[in-house]
N, C-alpha and C. Protein backbone atom coordinates (compact mmCIF):
# COMPACT_ATOMS: atom_id res chain seq x y z
N MET A 1 -38.13 284.63 32.01
CA MET A 1 -37.79 285.69 32.93
C MET A 1 -38.88 286.76 32.98
N VAL A 2 -39.50 286.99 31.83
CA VAL A 2 -40.58 287.98 31.78
C VAL A 2 -41.76 287.50 32.62
N LEU A 3 -42.03 286.21 32.58
CA LEU A 3 -43.12 285.66 33.38
C LEU A 3 -42.85 285.84 34.87
N ALA A 4 -41.59 285.67 35.29
CA ALA A 4 -41.25 285.86 36.70
C ALA A 4 -41.45 287.31 37.11
N ILE A 5 -41.12 288.24 36.24
CA ILE A 5 -41.30 289.67 36.55
C ILE A 5 -42.78 290.01 36.63
N VAL A 6 -43.57 289.48 35.71
CA VAL A 6 -45.01 289.75 35.73
C VAL A 6 -45.65 289.14 36.98
N LEU A 7 -45.30 287.91 37.30
CA LEU A 7 -45.84 287.28 38.51
C LEU A 7 -45.38 287.99 39.77
N GLY A 8 -44.14 288.48 39.78
CA GLY A 8 -43.65 289.26 40.92
C GLY A 8 -44.40 290.56 41.07
N ALA A 9 -44.72 291.19 39.94
CA ALA A 9 -45.50 292.44 39.99
C ALA A 9 -46.91 292.18 40.52
N LEU A 10 -47.52 291.07 40.09
CA LEU A 10 -48.85 290.73 40.62
C LEU A 10 -48.80 290.44 42.12
N SER A 11 -47.75 289.76 42.54
CA SER A 11 -47.59 289.48 43.96
C SER A 11 -47.37 290.77 44.75
N GLY A 12 -46.65 291.72 44.17
CA GLY A 12 -46.45 293.02 44.81
C GLY A 12 -47.76 293.78 44.96
N VAL A 13 -48.60 293.73 43.95
CA VAL A 13 -49.91 294.38 44.03
C VAL A 13 -50.77 293.71 45.10
N LEU A 14 -50.74 292.39 45.14
CA LEU A 14 -51.49 291.68 46.19
C LEU A 14 -50.94 291.99 47.57
N GLY A 15 -49.64 292.26 47.67
CA GLY A 15 -49.05 292.61 48.94
C GLY A 15 -49.42 293.98 49.44
N VAL A 16 -49.83 294.86 48.54
CA VAL A 16 -50.22 296.22 48.92
C VAL A 16 -51.66 296.26 49.42
N LEU A 17 -52.48 295.35 48.96
CA LEU A 17 -53.90 295.38 49.33
C LEU A 17 -54.16 295.34 50.83
N PRO A 18 -53.47 294.50 51.62
CA PRO A 18 -53.71 294.55 53.07
C PRO A 18 -53.35 295.90 53.70
N LEU A 19 -52.35 296.58 53.14
CA LEU A 19 -52.01 297.90 53.65
C LEU A 19 -53.15 298.89 53.43
N PHE A 20 -53.73 298.84 52.24
CA PHE A 20 -54.86 299.72 51.95
C PHE A 20 -56.07 299.37 52.81
N LEU A 21 -56.29 298.09 53.02
CA LEU A 21 -57.40 297.68 53.89
C LEU A 21 -57.17 298.11 55.33
N GLY A 22 -55.92 298.06 55.79
CA GLY A 22 -55.60 298.53 57.13
C GLY A 22 -55.86 300.03 57.28
N LEU A 23 -55.53 300.79 56.24
CA LEU A 23 -55.82 302.22 56.28
C LEU A 23 -57.32 302.49 56.30
N ARG A 24 -58.08 301.71 55.55
CA ARG A 24 -59.54 301.87 55.57
C ARG A 24 -60.12 301.50 56.93
N MET A 25 -59.53 300.48 57.57
CA MET A 25 -60.03 300.08 58.89
C MET A 25 -59.79 301.17 59.93
N THR A 26 -58.72 301.93 59.79
CA THR A 26 -58.45 302.98 60.78
C THR A 26 -59.48 304.10 60.71
N ARG A 27 -60.09 304.28 59.58
CA ARG A 27 -61.12 305.33 59.46
C ARG A 27 -62.41 304.94 60.19
N ARG A 28 -62.65 303.64 60.34
CA ARG A 28 -63.87 303.17 60.98
C ARG A 28 -63.71 302.90 62.47
N VAL A 29 -62.50 302.96 62.97
CA VAL A 29 -62.24 302.63 64.37
C VAL A 29 -62.67 303.79 65.27
N THR A 30 -63.40 303.46 66.32
CA THR A 30 -63.79 304.48 67.29
C THR A 30 -62.68 304.64 68.33
N ASP A 31 -62.78 305.67 69.14
CA ASP A 31 -61.75 305.91 70.15
C ASP A 31 -61.73 304.84 71.23
N THR A 32 -62.85 304.20 71.48
CA THR A 32 -62.92 303.18 72.53
C THR A 32 -62.80 301.76 71.99
N SER A 33 -62.40 301.63 70.74
CA SER A 33 -62.30 300.31 70.12
C SER A 33 -61.13 299.52 70.69
N ASN A 34 -61.32 298.21 70.79
CA ASN A 34 -60.24 297.34 71.28
C ASN A 34 -59.11 297.22 70.28
N LEU A 35 -59.44 297.24 68.99
CA LEU A 35 -58.42 297.07 67.97
C LEU A 35 -57.53 298.31 67.87
N GLY A 36 -58.11 299.45 67.83
CA GLY A 36 -57.35 300.70 67.79
C GLY A 36 -56.75 300.96 66.42
N HIS A 37 -56.25 302.17 66.29
CA HIS A 37 -55.67 302.60 65.01
C HIS A 37 -54.39 301.84 64.70
N ALA A 38 -53.51 301.75 65.67
CA ALA A 38 -52.23 301.07 65.44
C ALA A 38 -52.42 299.58 65.19
N GLY A 39 -53.38 298.99 65.85
CA GLY A 39 -53.63 297.56 65.64
C GLY A 39 -54.08 297.26 64.23
N ALA A 40 -54.93 298.11 63.68
CA ALA A 40 -55.40 297.91 62.31
C ALA A 40 -54.25 298.06 61.31
N LEU A 41 -53.41 299.05 61.53
CA LEU A 41 -52.29 299.23 60.62
C LEU A 41 -51.27 298.11 60.74
N MET A 42 -51.01 297.68 61.96
CA MET A 42 -50.04 296.59 62.15
C MET A 42 -50.57 295.27 61.57
N LEU A 43 -51.86 295.05 61.65
CA LEU A 43 -52.44 293.87 61.03
C LEU A 43 -52.27 293.92 59.52
N GLY A 44 -52.45 295.08 58.92
CA GLY A 44 -52.24 295.23 57.49
C GLY A 44 -50.79 294.99 57.09
N VAL A 45 -49.85 295.50 57.88
CA VAL A 45 -48.43 295.29 57.60
C VAL A 45 -48.07 293.81 57.73
N LEU A 46 -48.59 293.18 58.76
CA LEU A 46 -48.31 291.74 58.96
C LEU A 46 -48.83 290.92 57.79
N LEU A 47 -50.06 291.15 57.39
CA LEU A 47 -50.62 290.40 56.26
C LEU A 47 -49.87 290.69 54.96
N SER A 48 -49.44 291.92 54.79
CA SER A 48 -48.66 292.27 53.61
C SER A 48 -47.34 291.50 53.57
N PHE A 49 -46.64 291.45 54.70
CA PHE A 49 -45.38 290.70 54.75
C PHE A 49 -45.61 289.22 54.52
N VAL A 50 -46.69 288.68 55.06
CA VAL A 50 -46.98 287.26 54.86
C VAL A 50 -47.18 286.97 53.38
N ILE A 51 -47.94 287.80 52.70
CA ILE A 51 -48.18 287.59 51.26
C ILE A 51 -46.88 287.69 50.47
N LEU A 52 -46.07 288.70 50.78
CA LEU A 52 -44.82 288.88 50.04
C LEU A 52 -43.84 287.74 50.29
N PHE A 53 -43.69 287.33 51.55
CA PHE A 53 -42.75 286.26 51.85
C PHE A 53 -43.22 284.91 51.32
N LEU A 54 -44.51 284.64 51.37
CA LEU A 54 -45.00 283.38 50.81
C LEU A 54 -44.77 283.31 49.31
N GLY A 55 -44.97 284.43 48.61
CA GLY A 55 -44.70 284.45 47.18
C GLY A 55 -43.23 284.24 46.88
N ALA A 56 -42.36 284.89 47.65
CA ALA A 56 -40.92 284.74 47.43
C ALA A 56 -40.46 283.32 47.75
N ILE A 57 -40.95 282.76 48.83
CA ILE A 57 -40.57 281.39 49.20
C ILE A 57 -41.06 280.39 48.16
N ALA A 58 -42.27 280.59 47.67
CA ALA A 58 -42.79 279.69 46.63
C ALA A 58 -41.95 279.78 45.37
N CYS A 59 -41.51 280.98 45.03
CA CYS A 59 -40.68 281.13 43.83
C CYS A 59 -39.33 280.46 44.02
N VAL A 60 -38.74 280.60 45.19
CA VAL A 60 -37.44 279.98 45.46
C VAL A 60 -37.56 278.46 45.42
N VAL A 61 -38.63 277.93 45.97
CA VAL A 61 -38.80 276.48 46.00
C VAL A 61 -39.08 275.92 44.61
N LEU A 62 -39.91 276.61 43.84
CA LEU A 62 -40.31 276.08 42.53
C LEU A 62 -39.29 276.36 41.44
N VAL A 63 -38.83 277.61 41.33
CA VAL A 63 -37.92 277.99 40.25
C VAL A 63 -36.83 278.88 40.84
N ARG A 64 -35.80 278.28 41.34
CA ARG A 64 -34.74 279.03 42.04
C ARG A 64 -34.03 280.02 41.12
N ASP A 65 -33.90 279.69 39.84
CA ASP A 65 -33.17 280.55 38.91
C ASP A 65 -33.85 281.90 38.69
N LEU A 66 -35.15 281.96 38.84
CA LEU A 66 -35.88 283.19 38.58
C LEU A 66 -36.31 283.91 39.86
N ALA A 67 -35.72 283.56 40.98
CA ALA A 67 -36.12 284.17 42.25
C ALA A 67 -35.74 285.64 42.34
N VAL A 68 -34.56 285.99 41.85
CA VAL A 68 -34.12 287.39 41.96
C VAL A 68 -35.01 288.33 41.16
N PRO A 69 -35.32 288.05 39.88
CA PRO A 69 -36.22 288.97 39.18
C PRO A 69 -37.61 289.02 39.80
N PHE A 70 -38.08 287.89 40.30
CA PHE A 70 -39.40 287.85 40.93
C PHE A 70 -39.44 288.75 42.16
N VAL A 71 -38.45 288.61 43.03
CA VAL A 71 -38.43 289.38 44.28
C VAL A 71 -38.18 290.86 44.00
N LEU A 72 -37.33 291.18 43.05
CA LEU A 72 -37.09 292.58 42.72
C LEU A 72 -38.34 293.24 42.13
N ALA A 73 -39.04 292.52 41.27
CA ALA A 73 -40.29 293.06 40.72
C ALA A 73 -41.33 293.23 41.80
N GLU A 74 -41.39 292.27 42.71
CA GLU A 74 -42.33 292.32 43.82
C GLU A 74 -42.08 293.55 44.69
N ALA A 75 -40.82 293.78 45.04
CA ALA A 75 -40.47 294.92 45.88
C ALA A 75 -40.67 296.24 45.15
N ALA A 76 -40.31 296.29 43.87
CA ALA A 76 -40.46 297.53 43.11
C ALA A 76 -41.93 297.93 42.97
N VAL A 77 -42.79 296.98 42.72
CA VAL A 77 -44.21 297.29 42.58
C VAL A 77 -44.81 297.68 43.92
N LEU A 78 -44.40 297.04 44.99
CA LEU A 78 -44.88 297.41 46.32
C LEU A 78 -44.51 298.86 46.63
N VAL A 79 -43.26 299.23 46.39
CA VAL A 79 -42.81 300.59 46.65
C VAL A 79 -43.52 301.58 45.72
N ALA A 80 -43.66 301.23 44.45
CA ALA A 80 -44.32 302.13 43.50
C ALA A 80 -45.79 302.35 43.87
N CYS A 81 -46.47 301.31 44.28
CA CYS A 81 -47.87 301.47 44.69
C CYS A 81 -47.99 302.33 45.94
N ALA A 82 -47.10 302.14 46.89
CA ALA A 82 -47.14 302.95 48.11
C ALA A 82 -46.85 304.42 47.81
N ILE A 83 -45.86 304.69 46.97
CA ILE A 83 -45.55 306.06 46.59
C ILE A 83 -46.68 306.66 45.79
N GLY A 84 -47.24 305.90 44.87
CA GLY A 84 -48.37 306.38 44.08
C GLY A 84 -49.57 306.73 44.94
N TYR A 85 -49.85 305.90 45.94
CA TYR A 85 -50.96 306.18 46.85
C TYR A 85 -50.69 307.44 47.66
N GLY A 86 -49.46 307.60 48.13
CA GLY A 86 -49.11 308.79 48.89
C GLY A 86 -49.23 310.06 48.07
N VAL A 87 -48.74 310.02 46.84
CA VAL A 87 -48.85 311.18 45.97
C VAL A 87 -50.30 311.47 45.63
N TYR A 88 -51.07 310.42 45.38
CA TYR A 88 -52.49 310.60 45.06
C TYR A 88 -53.25 311.26 46.22
N THR A 89 -53.02 310.80 47.43
CA THR A 89 -53.73 311.39 48.56
C THR A 89 -53.23 312.81 48.84
N PHE A 90 -51.95 313.09 48.59
CA PHE A 90 -51.44 314.44 48.79
C PHE A 90 -52.02 315.42 47.78
N VAL A 91 -52.10 315.00 46.52
CA VAL A 91 -52.64 315.87 45.47
C VAL A 91 -54.13 316.05 45.63
N ARG A 92 -54.82 315.00 46.07
CA ARG A 92 -56.28 315.07 46.23
C ARG A 92 -56.69 316.08 47.28
N LYS A 93 -55.90 316.24 48.33
CA LYS A 93 -56.23 317.19 49.39
C LYS A 93 -55.77 318.54 48.98
C-alpha cells in the first residue's frame, strides 16, 4: 500500500508539470500569437488530465486493490503542489 501511495504521489507531481509549463508558455506568447494565452493554459490542463487519468487507469488495470490509495495520493499531491505554487508566487511578490 505504501508503494501505491508513493507511486501516486509521483504521478501527481508529473501531472502538475504540464500546468507549470503552460504557465511558462503564457509569458512568452505575444498578443498576435495564434496559440494565445488561453490556448497555452488549456493545453497544459489537457496534458495534466491525460497524465493523471493514464496513471489511474494503469493502476486499476494492473492492481485493482490499490487503486483508491493511488488515486487519492495522486489527487492530494496535485492539489498540494498547486496550492504551494500559488502561495509561493503570492509571497514572492
